[in-house]
Amino acid sequence: MNDEAAYTSPIPHLPTGDGRFRLGDWIVDPSADEISRDGQVEKLEPRKMQLLVVLARRAGEVVTAKELLDAV
């Protein structure tokens, strides 16, 4: 995927409108359990993707271990 400019959002962790969101240089696609940047695609295990999504949604907040375990 080389159309990363299409997925730019004003704040890096906000959704792009199609379920994917940017996190720094990465495009995160929860529905495919994939992260990508510069044409490199990495597949994540579903639970790791859930953890990433929870932490991205709570960026800047303290998240307890219990909250993480409850979410994933």
Protein backbone atom coordinates (compact mmCIF):
# COMPACT_ATOMS: atom_id res chain seq x y z
CA MET A 1 0.00 0.00 0.00
CA ASN A 2 1.66 3.21 -1.12
CA ASP A 3 -1.21 5.66 -0.69
CA GLU A 4 -0.32 6.71 2.87
CA ALA A 5 -1.08 10.37 2.16
CA ALA A 6 -4.74 9.42 1.82
CA TYR A 7 -4.74 8.28 5.45
CA THR A 8 -3.38 11.43 7.03
CA SER A 9 -5.37 12.83 9.91
CA PRO A 10 -4.65 16.08 11.74
CA ILE A 11 -3.78 14.23 14.96
CA PRO A 12 -1.67 11.09 14.39
CA HIS A 13 -3.82 8.71 16.46
CA LEU A 14 -7.24 9.79 15.19
CA PRO A 15 -9.23 7.53 12.85
CA THR A 16 -9.08 8.20 9.13
CA GLY A 17 -12.75 7.38 8.51
CA ASP A 18 -12.44 3.78 7.31
CA GLY A 19 -11.41 2.09 10.56
CA ARG A 20 -7.72 2.59 9.94
CA PHE A 21 -5.80 5.21 11.87
CA ARG A 22 -2.35 6.71 11.96
CA LEU A 23 -0.04 6.20 14.87
CA GLY A 24 3.15 8.13 14.24
CA ASP A 25 4.51 6.90 10.90
CA TRP A 26 2.35 3.78 10.99
CA ILE A 27 -1.06 3.13 9.45
CA VAL A 28 -2.96 0.77 11.73
CA ASP A 29 -5.66 -1.41 10.19
CA PRO A 30 -7.46 -3.19 13.03
CA SER A 31 -9.84 -5.11 10.74
CA ALA A 32 -6.86 -6.78 9.03
CA ASP A 33 -4.65 -6.95 12.15
CA GLU A 34 -1.96 -5.11 10.19
CA ILE A 35 0.29 -2.11 10.62
CA SER A 36 2.18 -0.60 7.70
CA ARG A 37 4.62 2.16 6.80
CA ASP A 38 6.75 2.89 3.78
CA GLY A 39 5.25 -0.10 1.96
CA GLN A 40 6.22 -2.51 4.75
CA VAL A 41 3.27 -4.46 6.19
CA GLU A 42 3.44 -6.24 9.53
CA LYS A 43 0.76 -8.68 10.67
CA LEU A 44 -0.12 -8.60 14.38
CA GLU A 45 -1.79 -11.27 16.45
CA PRO A 46 -5.42 -10.24 17.17
CA ARG A 47 -4.85 -9.72 20.90
CA LYS A 48 -1.81 -7.54 20.25
CA MET A 49 -3.89 -5.46 17.83
CA GLN A 50 -6.62 -5.08 20.46
CA LEU A 51 -3.99 -3.88 22.93
CA LEU A 52 -2.60 -1.39 20.41
CA VAL A 53 -6.08 -0.02 19.66
CA VAL A 54 -6.92 0.37 23.35
CA LEU A 55 -3.66 2.20 24.05
CA ALA A 56 -4.04 4.42 20.97
CA ARG A 57 -7.57 5.40 21.99
CA ARG A 58 -6.31 6.28 25.46
CA ALA A 59 -3.18 8.11 24.29
CA GLY A 60 -1.81 10.34 27.00
CA GLU A 61 -3.84 8.61 29.70
CA VAL A 62 -2.75 6.20 32.40
CA VAL A 63 -4.24 2.78 31.69
CA THR A 64 -4.16 0.19 34.46
CA ALA A 65 -3.26 -3.43 33.87
CA LYS A 66 -6.81 -4.39 34.90
CA GLU A 67 -8.29 -2.04 32.29
CA LEU A 68 -6.04 -3.55 29.63
CA LEU A 69 -6.90 -7.09 30.59
CA ASP A 70 -10.61 -6.25 30.61
CA ALA A 71 -10.32 -4.67 27.15
CA VAL A 72 -8.46 -7.51 25.49
